[in-house]
C-alpha cells in the first residue's frame, strides 16, 4: 500500500545516504521538511492538500442526511473509504486489518484510541458467537459499505467536477491541452444520429477454396 500511495500521490523518494545528508547539513543548507515514510504521514499530507485547495469540504456534500442515530459522522466514513480507494485496497474485508484497526490512520479520520480498540459502539456484541477480538476496530466494514452505497452517482459526479474546478483554479492544469479522443472501440451503426466513422483494417477467416483457418485482411468501416 505504501508503494501505491507514493505513486498515486506523486511522492519522490530517494535511497538513504547518511554521508550526503551530513555533507548537506554541514554546509548549513536547510532542509524544507523531513517526513517519516509511513501511510499516516502520506494520508495526512494528502488530506492537508485537499484542505489547501478547498476541496475537502466537498466530501460533506456527499451526505444524504439519512442517518437517524449518529454516533459516527458521515464524513468520517467517507474519509475511511477514500483511504481505501487511494491505497488501492481491493476488498472491504481488507479494510478492517489495514485501516480500521490502525490507530494512527484512524486518528486522521477523527477516531480516538479507545474507539479503535473497543469499537465506536456496543451494537452487535451480544450476538457474537465468537470471542471479541483484542482490537475491534473503529468501525465495522459493513457499516462503511452501507453508508457509501447511499451516495448517488449524481453526487459523486458533482464531487469530482468541483474538485477538478478547484485544481484548475490553483493552476494545476496547463492552459492548453493537445489531445486526441479515439472511441473506435465503442461501435454503433450508421443510423446513430451524430456518429462518426473510421476505416479500419481487420483480419477475418478466409472462405471458399482457401485453406481452413487462413486469415485474410479486409478493410471495414466502423461507426462510433
Protein backbone atom coordinates (compact mmCIF):
# COMPACT_ATOMS: atom_id res chain seq x y z
CA UNK A 1 0.00 0.00 0.00
CA UNK A 2 2.92 2.37 0.68
CA UNK A 3 4.21 1.91 -2.88
CA UNK A 4 0.76 2.62 -4.26
CA UNK A 5 0.41 5.78 -2.17
CA UNK A 6 3.82 7.10 -3.23
CA UNK A 7 2.95 6.58 -6.89
CA UNK A 8 -0.58 7.99 -6.71
CA UNK A 9 0.33 11.00 -4.57
CA UNK A 10 3.42 11.74 -6.69
CA UNK A 11 5.91 11.47 -3.85
CA UNK A 12 9.52 11.27 -4.99
CA UNK A 13 11.64 9.20 -2.64
CA UNK A 14 15.37 8.56 -2.57
CA UNK A 15 17.58 5.90 -1.06
CA UNK A 16 19.14 6.62 2.29
CA UNK A 17 22.57 8.29 2.10
CA UNK A 18 23.76 9.41 5.53
CA UNK A 19 27.05 10.80 4.20
CA UNK A 20 25.27 13.04 1.70
CA UNK A 21 22.81 14.25 4.34
CA UNK A 22 25.66 15.07 6.74
CA UNK A 23 27.51 16.93 3.99
CA UNK A 24 24.33 18.84 3.18
CA UNK A 25 23.76 19.91 6.79
CA UNK A 26 27.45 20.68 7.39
CA UNK A 27 27.34 23.39 4.76
CA UNK A 28 24.34 24.95 6.56
CA UNK A 29 21.85 24.18 3.88
CA UNK A 30 18.45 23.94 5.44
CA UNK A 31 16.04 21.12 4.64
CA UNK A 32 12.48 22.08 3.86
CA UNK A 33 10.96 19.19 5.78
CA UNK A 34 11.68 15.61 6.83
CA UNK A 35 8.88 13.05 6.63
CA UNK A 36 8.56 9.63 8.17
CA UNK A 37 7.68 7.36 5.29
CA UNK A 38 4.54 5.69 6.57
CA UNK A 39 0.90 5.58 5.50
CA UNK A 40 -0.25 8.01 8.19
CA UNK A 41 2.17 10.71 7.01
CA UNK A 42 1.15 10.27 3.39
CA UNK A 43 -2.58 10.41 4.11
CA UNK A 44 -2.14 13.36 6.46
CA UNK A 45 -0.29 15.29 3.75
CA UNK A 46 -2.89 14.30 1.16
CA UNK A 47 -5.82 15.48 3.29
CA UNK A 48 -3.98 18.70 4.12
CA UNK A 49 -3.53 19.30 0.40
CA UNK A 50 -7.27 18.77 -0.17
CA UNK A 51 -7.87 21.33 2.56
CA UNK A 52 -5.47 23.82 0.98
CA UNK A 53 -7.21 23.68 -2.40
CA UNK A 54 -10.58 23.91 -0.60
CA UNK A 55 -11.74 20.53 -1.89
CA UNK A 56 -12.08 18.66 1.39
CA UNK A 57 -15.40 20.36 2.33
CA UNK A 58 -16.93 18.87 -0.84
CA UNK A 59 -16.92 15.48 0.90
CA UNK A 60 -19.60 16.75 3.25
CA UNK A 61 -21.89 17.33 0.27
CA UNK A 62 -21.97 13.56 -0.32
CA UNK A 63 -24.07 13.12 2.83
CA UNK A 64 -27.75 12.48 2.05
CA UNK A 65 -28.69 13.20 5.69
CA UNK A 66 -30.36 9.80 6.08
CA UNK A 67 -28.66 8.80 9.32
CA UNK A 68 -31.22 8.59 12.13
CA UNK A 69 -28.87 7.74 15.00
CA UNK A 70 -25.45 9.31 14.59
CA UNK A 71 -22.63 8.11 16.77
CA UNK A 72 -20.15 8.46 13.88
CA UNK A 73 -20.37 11.32 11.39
CA UNK A 74 -20.82 10.57 7.70
CA UNK A 75 -17.63 12.45 6.79
CA UNK A 76 -15.58 10.05 8.93
CA UNK A 77 -16.93 7.07 7.00
CA UNK A 78 -16.17 8.81 3.69
CA UNK A 79 -12.59 9.50 4.78
CA UNK A 80 -12.11 5.82 5.59
CA UNK A 81 -13.43 4.83 2.17
CA UNK A 82 -11.26 7.46 0.50
CA UNK A 83 -8.25 5.85 2.18
CA UNK A 84 -9.36 2.51 0.74
CA UNK A 85 -9.56 3.93 -2.78
CA UNK A 86 -6.28 5.87 -2.67
CA UNK A 87 -4.48 2.97 -1.02
CA UNK A 88 -5.78 0.53 -3.67
CA UNK A 89 -7.21 -1.85 -1.08
CA UNK A 90 -9.08 -4.39 -3.18
CA UNK A 91 -11.78 -5.72 -0.83
CA UNK A 92 -13.80 -4.41 2.09
CA UNK A 93 -12.58 -7.30 4.24
CA UNK A 94 -9.01 -6.00 3.96
CA UNK A 95 -10.13 -2.56 5.16
CA UNK A 96 -10.57 -3.92 8.69
CA UNK A 97 -6.98 -5.16 9.01
CA UNK A 98 -5.27 -2.37 7.06
CA UNK A 99 -7.25 0.68 8.12
CA UNK A 100 -9.89 0.29 10.81
CA UNK A 101 -7.52 -1.26 13.36
CA UNK A 102 -4.69 1.21 12.72
CA UNK A 103 -4.68 3.85 15.47
CA UNK A 104 -2.66 6.44 13.51
CA UNK A 105 -4.73 6.20 10.34
CA UNK A 106 -8.00 6.30 12.25
CA UNK A 107 -6.87 9.35 14.23
CA UNK A 108 -6.67 11.21 10.91
CA UNK A 109 -10.34 10.33 10.36
CA UNK A 110 -11.30 11.64 13.80
CA UNK A 111 -11.37 8.41 15.84
CA UNK A 112 -9.57 8.04 19.16
CA UNK A 113 -7.56 5.12 20.56
CA UNK A 114 -10.46 3.83 22.67
CA UNK A 115 -12.73 3.62 19.61
CA UNK A 116 -10.07 1.77 17.61
CA UNK A 117 -9.62 -0.82 20.36
CA UNK A 118 -13.21 -1.22 21.56
CA UNK A 119 -15.29 0.00 18.63
CA UNK A 120 -17.47 3.07 18.35
CA UNK A 121 -20.50 1.34 19.90
CA UNK A 122 -21.55 -1.91 21.57
CA UNK A 123 -24.08 -2.80 18.89
CA UNK A 124 -23.94 -6.46 17.91
CA UNK A 125 -21.51 -7.56 20.62
CA UNK A 126 -24.15 -9.62 22.46
CA UNK A 127 -25.00 -11.52 19.28
CA UNK A 128 -21.43 -12.60 18.58
CA UNK A 129 -20.81 -16.35 18.55
CA UNK A 130 -17.03 -15.91 18.56
CA UNK A 131 -14.82 -14.13 21.12
CA UNK A 132 -14.47 -10.37 20.70
CA UNK A 133 -11.05 -9.59 19.17
CA UNK A 134 -8.49 -7.71 21.21
CA UNK A 135 -8.74 -4.80 18.77
CA UNK A 136 -12.26 -4.46 17.34
CA UNK A 137 -11.57 -1.56 15.03
CA UNK A 138 -13.19 1.86 14.94
CA UNK A 139 -15.97 0.69 12.60
CA UNK A 140 -17.41 -2.44 11.07
CA UNK A 141 -16.68 -2.89 7.36
CA UNK A 142 -20.41 -3.46 6.78
CA UNK A 143 -21.13 -0.05 8.30
CA UNK A 144 -18.68 1.58 5.90
CA UNK A 145 -20.17 -0.23 2.91
CA UNK A 146 -23.79 0.51 3.89
CA UNK A 147 -23.06 4.24 4.19
CA UNK A 148 -21.10 4.51 0.95
CA UNK A 149 -23.76 2.83 -1.21
CA UNK A 150 -26.24 5.55 -0.24
CA UNK A 151 -24.24 8.14 -2.20
CA UNK A 152 -25.94 8.72 -5.54
CA UNK A 153 -23.96 8.75 -8.82
CA UNK A 154 -25.03 12.35 -9.39
CA UNK A 155 -23.47 13.48 -6.10
CA UNK A 156 -20.26 11.63 -6.92
CA UNK A 157 -20.19 13.30 -10.34
CA UNK A 158 -20.67 16.73 -8.78
CA UNK A 159 -17.95 15.99 -6.22
CA UNK A 160 -15.34 15.17 -8.88
CA UNK A 161 -16.37 18.09 -11.08
CA UNK A 162 -15.97 20.54 -8.20
CA UNK A 163 -12.58 19.03 -7.30
CA UNK A 164 -11.44 19.46 -10.90
CA UNK A 165 -12.59 23.08 -10.83
CA UNK A 166 -10.57 23.72 -7.68
CA UNK A 167 -7.48 22.13 -9.23
CA UNK A 168 -7.94 24.35 -12.28
CA UNK A 169 -8.27 27.41 -10.03
CA UNK A 170 -4.93 26.54 -8.47
CA UNK A 171 -3.31 26.29 -11.94
CA UNK A 172 -2.63 22.55 -11.76
CA UNK A 173 -3.52 22.07 -15.41
CA UNK A 174 -1.78 23.70 -18.39
CA UNK A 175 -3.59 26.48 -20.23
CA UNK A 176 -3.79 24.48 -23.44
CA UNK A 177 -4.15 20.72 -23.73
CA UNK A 178 -3.48 18.94 -27.02
CA UNK A 179 -5.26 15.59 -27.12
CA UNK A 180 -6.97 13.16 -29.44
CA UNK A 181 -10.09 11.26 -28.42
CA UNK A 182 -10.41 7.87 -30.11
CA UNK A 183 -13.59 5.95 -29.33
CA UNK A 184 -13.45 3.39 -32.12
CA UNK A 185 -13.77 0.56 -29.59
CA UNK A 186 -17.33 1.73 -28.83
CA UNK A 187 -19.04 0.77 -32.07
CA UNK A 188 -22.53 1.73 -33.21
CA UNK A 189 -24.38 1.68 -36.55
CA UNK A 190 -24.61 4.17 -39.37
CA UNK A 191 -28.16 5.02 -38.25
CA UNK A 192 -26.99 6.56 -34.95
CA UNK A 193 -27.52 10.35 -35.01
CA UNK A 194 -24.24 12.28 -34.90
CA UNK A 195 -21.99 9.25 -35.23
CA UNK A 196 -18.59 9.40 -36.87
CA UNK A 197 -16.81 6.77 -38.92
CA UNK A 198 -13.32 5.47 -39.44
CA UNK A 199 -11.75 2.97 -41.83
CA UNK A 200 -10.10 0.09 -40.09
CA UNK A 201 -8.20 -2.99 -41.26
CA UNK A 202 -9.27 -6.26 -39.73
CA UNK A 203 -8.27 -9.89 -40.19
CA UNK A 204 -11.05 -12.40 -40.82
CA UNK A 205 -11.17 -16.08 -41.66
CA UNK A 206 -10.94 -16.75 -45.38
CA UNK A 207 -13.82 -18.56 -47.05
CA UNK A 208 -14.20 -20.77 -50.07
CA UNK A 209 -11.31 -22.61 -51.55
CA UNK A 210 -8.70 -21.15 -49.20
CA UNK A 211 -7.00 -23.28 -46.57
CA UNK A 212 -9.06 -23.77 -43.41
CA UNK A 213 -8.06 -21.27 -40.68
CA UNK A 214 -6.25 -18.90 -43.03
CA UNK A 215 -6.71 -15.20 -42.19
CA UNK A 216 -7.41 -12.52 -44.76
CA UNK A 217 -7.05 -8.78 -44.16
CA UNK A 218 -10.02 -6.66 -45.17
CA UNK A 219 -10.97 -3.01 -44.72
CA UNK A 220 -14.17 -2.24 -42.80
CA UNK A 221 -15.95 0.93 -41.74
CA UNK A 222 -16.58 1.42 -38.01
CA UNK A 223 -19.21 3.85 -36.76
CA UNK A 224 -18.76 5.42 -33.32
